[in-house]
Amino acid sequence: RSHRWFGVTDLRSFGHRSRTLQMGYAREDFMGKP
């Protein structure tokens, strides 16, 4: 379900990923994971 937020390539997902990175997480922490 979270793939719709983090895994697709569009402007909204850019915002989701960038704000998660803003909190100090790395892409490896959340990309493709439950």
All heavy atoms as atom14 arrays in JSON, in Angstrom:
{
  "sequence": "RSHRWFGVTDLRSFGHRSRTLQMGYAREDFMGKP",
  "atom14_mask": [
    [1, 1, 1, 1, 1, 1, 1, 1, 1, 1, 1, 0, 0, 0],
    [1, 1, 1, 1, 1, 1, 0, 0, 0, 0, 0, 0, 0, 0],
    [1, 1, 1, 1, 1, 1, 1, 1, 1, 1, 0, 0, 0, 0],
    [1, 1, 1, 1, 1, 1, 1, 1, 1, 1, 1, 0, 0, 0],
    [1, 1, 1, 1, 1, 1, 1, 1, 1, 1, 1, 1, 1, 1],
    [1, 1, 1, 1, 1, 1, 1, 1, 1, 1, 1, 0, 0, 0],
    [1, 1, 1, 1, 0, 0, 0, 0, 0, 0, 0, 0, 0, 0],
    [1, 1, 1, 1, 1, 1, 1, 0, 0, 0, 0, 0, 0, 0],
    [1, 1, 1, 1, 1, 1, 1, 0, 0, 0, 0, 0, 0, 0],
    [1, 1, 1, 1, 1, 1, 1, 1, 0, 0, 0, 0, 0, 0],
    [1, 1, 1, 1, 1, 1, 1, 1, 0, 0, 0, 0, 0, 0],
    [1, 1, 1, 1, 1, 1, 1, 1, 1, 1, 1, 0, 0, 0],
    [1, 1, 1, 1, 1, 1, 0, 0, 0, 0, 0, 0, 0, 0],
    [1, 1, 1, 1, 1, 1, 1, 1, 1, 1, 1, 0, 0, 0],
    [1, 1, 1, 1, 0, 0, 0, 0, 0, 0, 0, 0, 0, 0],
    [1, 1, 1, 1, 1, 1, 1, 1, 1, 1, 0, 0, 0, 0],
    [1, 1, 1, 1, 1, 1, 1, 1, 1, 1, 1, 0, 0, 0],
    [1, 1, 1, 1, 1, 1, 0, 0, 0, 0, 0, 0, 0, 0],
    [1, 1, 1, 1, 1, 1, 1, 1, 1, 1, 1, 0, 0, 0],
    [1, 1, 1, 1, 1, 1, 1, 0, 0, 0, 0, 0, 0, 0],
    [1, 1, 1, 1, 1, 1, 1, 1, 0, 0, 0, 0, 0, 0],
    [1, 1, 1, 1, 1, 1, 1, 1, 1, 0, 0, 0, 0, 0],
    [1, 1, 1, 1, 1, 1, 1, 1, 0, 0, 0, 0, 0, 0],
    [1, 1, 1, 1, 0, 0, 0, 0, 0, 0, 0, 0, 0, 0],
    [1, 1, 1, 1, 1, 1, 1, 1, 1, 1, 1, 1, 0, 0],
    [1, 1, 1, 1, 1, 0, 0, 0, 0, 0, 0, 0, 0, 0],
    [1, 1, 1, 1, 1, 1, 1, 1, 1, 1, 1, 0, 0, 0],
    [1, 1, 1, 1, 1, 1, 1, 1, 1, 0, 0, 0, 0, 0],
    [1, 1, 1, 1, 1, 1, 1, 1, 0, 0, 0, 0, 0, 0],
    [1, 1, 1, 1, 1, 1, 1, 1, 1, 1, 1, 0, 0, 0],
    [1, 1, 1, 1, 1, 1, 1, 1, 0, 0, 0, 0, 0, 0],
    [1, 1, 1, 1, 0, 0, 0, 0, 0, 0, 0, 0, 0, 0],
    [1, 1, 1, 1, 1, 1, 1, 1, 1, 0, 0, 0, 0, 0],
    [1, 1, 1, 1, 1, 1, 1, 0, 0, 0, 0, 0, 0, 0]
  ],
  "atom14_positions": [
    [[0.83, -1.2, 0.0], [0.0, 0.0, 0.0], [0.86, 1.26, 0.0], [0.55, 2.26, -0.66], [-0.92, -0.03, 1.23], [-1.93, 1.09, 1.34], [-2.9, 0.81, 2.49], [-3.86, 1.89, 2.66], [-3.69, 2.93, 3.46], [-2.58, 3.05, 4.18], [-4.61, 3.87, 3.55], [0.0, 0.0, 0.0], [0.0, 0.0, 0.0], [0.0, 0.0, 0.0]],
    [[1.97, 1.23, 0.73], [2.85, 2.4, 0.84], [3.57, 2.72, -0.47], [4.11, 3.82, -0.62], [3.89, 2.17, 1.94], [4.69, 1.04, 1.65], [0.0, 0.0, 0.0], [0.0, 0.0, 0.0], [0.0, 0.0, 0.0], [0.0, 0.0, 0.0], [0.0, 0.0, 0.0], [0.0, 0.0, 0.0], [0.0, 0.0, 0.0], [0.0, 0.0, 0.0]],
    [[3.57, 1.77, -1.4], [4.21, 2.02, -2.69], [3.58, 3.22, -3.39], [4.26, 3.96, -4.11], [4.1, 0.76, -3.57], [4.72, 0.91, -4.92], [6.08, 0.88, -5.13], [4.14, 1.11, -6.15], [6.34, 1.03, -6.43], [5.18, 1.18, -7.06], [0.0, 0.0, 0.0], [0.0, 0.0, 0.0], [0.0, 0.0, 0.0], [0.0, 0.0, 0.0]],
    [[2.29, 3.44, -3.16], [1.6, 4.57, -3.79], [2.14, 5.9, -3.27], [2.03, 6.92, -3.94], [0.11, 4.46, -3.52], [-0.54, 3.25, -4.16], [-1.88, 2.91, -3.5], [-2.77, 4.04, -3.47], [-3.71, 4.22, -2.55], [-3.86, 3.36, -1.57], [-4.51, 5.28, -2.6], [0.0, 0.0, 0.0], [0.0, 0.0, 0.0], [0.0, 0.0, 0.0]],
    [[2.69, 5.9, -2.08], [3.29, 7.12, -1.53], [4.76, 7.26, -1.93], [5.21, 8.34, -2.28], [3.2, 7.09, 0.0], [1.93, 7.59, 0.61], [1.69, 8.84, 1.09], [0.73, 6.84, 0.86], [0.42, 8.94, 1.62], [-0.19, 7.71, 1.49], [0.35, 5.52, 0.61], [-1.46, 7.3, 1.89], [-0.92, 5.1, 1.0], [-1.8, 6.0, 1.62]],
    [[5.5, 6.14, -1.83], [6.97, 6.23, -1.92], [7.58, 5.67, -3.2], [8.69, 6.04, -3.56], [7.6, 5.48, -0.74], [7.33, 6.09, 0.6], [6.73, 5.36, 1.61], [7.67, 7.41, 0.87], [6.49, 5.91, 2.86], [7.43, 7.98, 2.11], [6.84, 7.23, 3.12], [0.0, 0.0, 0.0], [0.0, 0.0, 0.0], [0.0, 0.0, 0.0]],
    [[6.87, 4.77, -3.88], [7.55, 3.98, -4.9], [7.35, 4.41, -6.33], [8.04, 3.91, -7.22], [0.0, 0.0, 0.0], [0.0, 0.0, 0.0], [0.0, 0.0, 0.0], [0.0, 0.0, 0.0], [0.0, 0.0, 0.0], [0.0, 0.0, 0.0], [0.0, 0.0, 0.0], [0.0, 0.0, 0.0], [0.0, 0.0, 0.0], [0.0, 0.0, 0.0]],
    [[6.42, 5.33, -6.57], [6.16, 5.71, -7.96], [6.96, 6.97, -8.32], [7.5, 7.65, -7.46], [4.65, 5.94, -8.2], [3.88, 4.66, -7.96], [4.13, 7.06, -7.3], [0.0, 0.0, 0.0], [0.0, 0.0, 0.0], [0.0, 0.0, 0.0], [0.0, 0.0, 0.0], [0.0, 0.0, 0.0], [0.0, 0.0, 0.0], [0.0, 0.0, 0.0]],
    [[7.01, 7.24, -9.62], [7.77, 8.39, -10.08], [6.82, 9.49, -10.53], [6.34, 9.51, -11.66], [8.69, 8.0, -11.27], [9.53, 6.93, -10.86], [9.55, 9.18, -11.71], [0.0, 0.0, 0.0], [0.0, 0.0, 0.0], [0.0, 0.0, 0.0], [0.0, 0.0, 0.0], [0.0, 0.0, 0.0], [0.0, 0.0, 0.0], [0.0, 0.0, 0.0]],
    [[6.48, 10.37, -9.57], [5.68, 11.53, -9.91], [5.98, 12.63, -8.9], [6.75, 12.44, -7.95], [4.18, 11.2, -9.97], [3.61, 10.68, -8.64], [4.26, 10.88, -7.58], [2.52, 10.08, -8.65], [0.0, 0.0, 0.0], [0.0, 0.0, 0.0], [0.0, 0.0, 0.0], [0.0, 0.0, 0.0], [0.0, 0.0, 0.0], [0.0, 0.0, 0.0]],
    [[5.4, 13.79, -9.12], [5.72, 14.94, -8.28], [5.3, 14.72, -6.83], [6.02, 15.09, -5.9], [5.02, 16.19, -8.85], [5.3, 17.51, -8.11], [6.8, 17.83, -8.13], [4.5, 18.64, -8.75], [0.0, 0.0, 0.0], [0.0, 0.0, 0.0], [0.0, 0.0, 0.0], [0.0, 0.0, 0.0], [0.0, 0.0, 0.0], [0.0, 0.0, 0.0]],
    [[4.12, 14.09, -6.62], [3.65, 13.89, -5.25], [4.59, 12.95, -4.5], [4.92, 13.18, -3.34], [2.22, 13.34, -5.28], [1.61, 13.09, -3.9], [1.62, 14.34, -3.04], [0.82, 15.41, -3.58], [0.85, 16.65, -3.14], [1.67, 16.98, -2.17], [0.1, 17.59, -3.69], [0.0, 0.0, 0.0], [0.0, 0.0, 0.0], [0.0, 0.0, 0.0]],
    [[5.02, 11.86, -5.12], [5.93, 10.94, -4.45], [7.29, 11.58, -4.19], [7.95, 11.26, -3.19], [6.11, 9.67, -5.29], [4.89, 8.95, -5.34], [0.0, 0.0, 0.0], [0.0, 0.0, 0.0], [0.0, 0.0, 0.0], [0.0, 0.0, 0.0], [0.0, 0.0, 0.0], [0.0, 0.0, 0.0], [0.0, 0.0, 0.0], [0.0, 0.0, 0.0]],
    [[7.69, 12.49, -5.08], [8.91, 13.27, -4.79], [8.77, 13.97, -3.44], [9.67, 13.98, -2.61], [9.12, 14.29, -5.91], [10.23, 15.29, -5.63], [11.52, 15.05, -6.04], [9.95, 16.47, -4.94], [12.54, 15.97, -5.78], [10.95, 17.39, -4.67], [12.25, 17.14, -5.1], [0.0, 0.0, 0.0], [0.0, 0.0, 0.0], [0.0, 0.0, 0.0]],
    [[7.59, 14.57, -3.22], [7.36, 15.26, -1.95], [7.38, 14.3, -0.77], [7.94, 14.62, 0.28], [0.0, 0.0, 0.0], [0.0, 0.0, 0.0], [0.0, 0.0, 0.0], [0.0, 0.0, 0.0], [0.0, 0.0, 0.0], [0.0, 0.0, 0.0], [0.0, 0.0, 0.0], [0.0, 0.0, 0.0], [0.0, 0.0, 0.0], [0.0, 0.0, 0.0]],
    [[6.78, 13.14, -0.92], [6.77, 12.16, 0.18], [8.2, 11.73, 0.52], [8.58, 11.64, 1.71], [5.95, 10.93, -0.2], [4.51, 11.25, -0.46], [3.74, 10.53, -1.37], [3.68, 12.2, 0.05], [2.52, 11.02, -1.39], [2.46, 12.04, -0.54], [0.0, 0.0, 0.0], [0.0, 0.0, 0.0], [0.0, 0.0, 0.0], [0.0, 0.0, 0.0]],
    [[8.98, 11.41, -0.51], [10.35, 10.93, -0.26], [11.23, 12.04, 0.3], [12.0, 11.82, 1.25], [10.94, 10.37, -1.55], [10.32, 9.05, -2.01], [11.07, 8.43, -3.17], [10.99, 9.27, -4.37], [10.06, 9.16, -5.31], [9.1, 8.25, -5.19], [10.06, 9.95, -6.37], [0.0, 0.0, 0.0], [0.0, 0.0, 0.0], [0.0, 0.0, 0.0]],
    [[11.08, 13.23, -0.24], [11.95, 14.31, 0.23], [11.66, 14.68, 1.68], [12.59, 14.98, 2.46], [11.8, 15.55, -0.67], [10.5, 16.12, -0.54], [0.0, 0.0, 0.0], [0.0, 0.0, 0.0], [0.0, 0.0, 0.0], [0.0, 0.0, 0.0], [0.0, 0.0, 0.0], [0.0, 0.0, 0.0], [0.0, 0.0, 0.0], [0.0, 0.0, 0.0]],
    [[10.41, 14.62, 2.08], [10.06, 14.94, 3.47], [10.49, 13.83, 4.43], [10.79, 14.08, 5.59], [8.56, 15.18, 3.59], [8.08, 16.43, 2.88], [8.8, 17.68, 3.36], [8.2, 18.89, 2.81], [8.61, 20.12, 3.08], [9.65, 20.29, 3.89], [8.02, 21.16, 2.53], [0.0, 0.0, 0.0], [0.0, 0.0, 0.0], [0.0, 0.0, 0.0]],
    [[10.52, 12.61, 3.94], [11.03, 11.51, 4.78], [12.54, 11.65, 4.92], [13.1, 11.45, 6.02], [10.66, 10.15, 4.16], [9.25, 10.12, 3.91], [11.03, 9.01, 5.11], [0.0, 0.0, 0.0], [0.0, 0.0, 0.0], [0.0, 0.0, 0.0], [0.0, 0.0, 0.0], [0.0, 0.0, 0.0], [0.0, 0.0, 0.0], [0.0, 0.0, 0.0]],
    [[13.2, 12.0, 3.84], [14.64, 12.29, 3.92], [14.91, 13.47, 4.85], [15.92, 13.49, 5.57], [15.19, 12.58, 2.52], [15.18, 11.4, 1.53], [15.44, 11.9, 0.11], [16.22, 10.37, 1.92], [0.0, 0.0, 0.0], [0.0, 0.0, 0.0], [0.0, 0.0, 0.0], [0.0, 0.0, 0.0], [0.0, 0.0, 0.0], [0.0, 0.0, 0.0]],
    [[13.99, 14.43, 4.86], [14.12, 15.59, 5.74], [14.21, 15.18, 7.21], [14.87, 15.82, 8.03], [12.92, 16.53, 5.53], [12.89, 17.75, 6.45], [11.58, 18.51, 6.34], [10.69, 18.1, 5.61], [11.47, 19.62, 7.04], [0.0, 0.0, 0.0], [0.0, 0.0, 0.0], [0.0, 0.0, 0.0], [0.0, 0.0, 0.0], [0.0, 0.0, 0.0]],
    [[13.55, 14.06, 7.57], [13.56, 13.59, 8.95], [14.8, 12.77, 9.28], [14.95, 12.28, 10.41], [12.3, 12.76, 9.22], [11.02, 13.59, 9.2], [9.53, 12.64, 9.61], [9.26, 11.74, 8.09], [0.0, 0.0, 0.0], [0.0, 0.0, 0.0], [0.0, 0.0, 0.0], [0.0, 0.0, 0.0], [0.0, 0.0, 0.0], [0.0, 0.0, 0.0]],
    [[15.72, 12.67, 8.33], [16.99, 12.0, 8.61], [17.05, 10.55, 8.2], [18.08, 9.89, 8.42], [0.0, 0.0, 0.0], [0.0, 0.0, 0.0], [0.0, 0.0, 0.0], [0.0, 0.0, 0.0], [0.0, 0.0, 0.0], [0.0, 0.0, 0.0], [0.0, 0.0, 0.0], [0.0, 0.0, 0.0], [0.0, 0.0, 0.0], [0.0, 0.0, 0.0]],
    [[15.99, 10.05, 7.57], [16.01, 8.67, 7.1], [16.71, 8.6, 5.75], [16.66, 9.55, 4.95], [14.6, 8.12, 6.97], [13.86, 8.0, 8.28], [12.82, 8.87, 8.6], [14.2, 7.0, 9.2], [12.13, 8.76, 9.81], [13.53, 6.89, 10.41], [12.51, 7.78, 10.7], [11.84, 7.66, 11.89], [0.0, 0.0, 0.0], [0.0, 0.0, 0.0]],
    [[17.33, 7.45, 5.49], [17.92, 7.2, 4.17], [16.91, 6.46, 3.31], [15.98, 5.82, 3.83], [19.19, 6.36, 4.32], [0.0, 0.0, 0.0], [0.0, 0.0, 0.0], [0.0, 0.0, 0.0], [0.0, 0.0, 0.0], [0.0, 0.0, 0.0], [0.0, 0.0, 0.0], [0.0, 0.0, 0.0], [0.0, 0.0, 0.0], [0.0, 0.0, 0.0]],
    [[17.09, 6.54, 1.99], [16.18, 5.82, 1.1], [16.14, 4.33, 1.43], [15.11, 3.69, 1.33], [16.6, 6.02, -0.37], [16.2, 7.37, -0.94], [16.56, 7.48, -2.42], [16.03, 8.71, -2.99], [16.62, 9.9, -2.89], [17.78, 10.01, -2.24], [16.06, 10.97, -3.44], [0.0, 0.0, 0.0], [0.0, 0.0, 0.0], [0.0, 0.0, 0.0]],
    [[17.26, 3.8, 1.85], [17.32, 2.37, 2.18], [16.45, 2.03, 3.39], [16.09, 0.87, 3.59], [18.77, 1.96, 2.47], [19.71, 1.99, 1.27], [20.15, 3.41, 0.9], [19.93, 4.34, 1.75], [20.72, 3.6, -0.18], [0.0, 0.0, 0.0], [0.0, 0.0, 0.0], [0.0, 0.0, 0.0], [0.0, 0.0, 0.0], [0.0, 0.0, 0.0]],
    [[16.11, 3.02, 4.2], [15.28, 2.77, 5.38], [13.83, 2.49, 5.02], [13.16, 1.72, 5.71], [15.33, 3.98, 6.32], [16.66, 4.14, 7.02], [17.34, 3.12, 7.23], [17.01, 5.29, 7.35], [0.0, 0.0, 0.0], [0.0, 0.0, 0.0], [0.0, 0.0, 0.0], [0.0, 0.0, 0.0], [0.0, 0.0, 0.0], [0.0, 0.0, 0.0]],
    [[13.34, 3.13, 3.95], [11.9, 3.05, 3.68], [11.52, 2.61, 2.29], [10.38, 2.17, 2.07], [11.23, 4.39, 3.99], [11.69, 5.55, 3.15], [11.06, 5.87, 1.96], [12.76, 6.34, 3.54], [11.48, 6.94, 1.18], [13.19, 7.42, 2.78], [12.55, 7.72, 1.59], [0.0, 0.0, 0.0], [0.0, 0.0, 0.0], [0.0, 0.0, 0.0]],
    [[12.4, 2.67, 1.33], [12.04, 2.33, -0.05], [11.86, 0.81, -0.19], [12.73, 0.03, 0.15], [13.12, 2.83, -1.01], [13.16, 4.34, -1.17], [11.69, 4.97, -2.01], [11.96, 4.39, -3.68], [0.0, 0.0, 0.0], [0.0, 0.0, 0.0], [0.0, 0.0, 0.0], [0.0, 0.0, 0.0], [0.0, 0.0, 0.0], [0.0, 0.0, 0.0]],
    [[10.69, 0.43, -0.68], [10.42, -0.97, -0.95], [10.23, -1.82, 0.29], [10.26, -3.05, 0.2], [0.0, 0.0, 0.0], [0.0, 0.0, 0.0], [0.0, 0.0, 0.0], [0.0, 0.0, 0.0], [0.0, 0.0, 0.0], [0.0, 0.0, 0.0], [0.0, 0.0, 0.0], [0.0, 0.0, 0.0], [0.0, 0.0, 0.0], [0.0, 0.0, 0.0]],
    [[10.01, -1.19, 1.44], [9.85, -1.93, 2.69], [8.44, -1.72, 3.25], [7.84, -0.65, 3.05], [10.87, -1.46, 3.72], [12.32, -1.78, 3.34], [13.27, -1.34, 4.44], [14.69, -1.74, 4.11], [15.64, -1.36, 5.19], [0.0, 0.0, 0.0], [0.0, 0.0, 0.0], [0.0, 0.0, 0.0], [0.0, 0.0, 0.0], [0.0, 0.0, 0.0]],
    [[7.92, -2.69, 3.98], [6.62, -2.49, 4.64], [6.71, -1.35, 5.65], [7.6, -1.32, 6.5], [6.36, -3.82, 5.34], [7.19, -4.82, 4.61], [8.41, -4.08, 4.17], [0.0, 0.0, 0.0], [0.0, 0.0, 0.0], [0.0, 0.0, 0.0], [0.0, 0.0, 0.0], [0.0, 0.0, 0.0], [0.0, 0.0, 0.0], [0.0, 0.0, 0.0]]
  ]
}
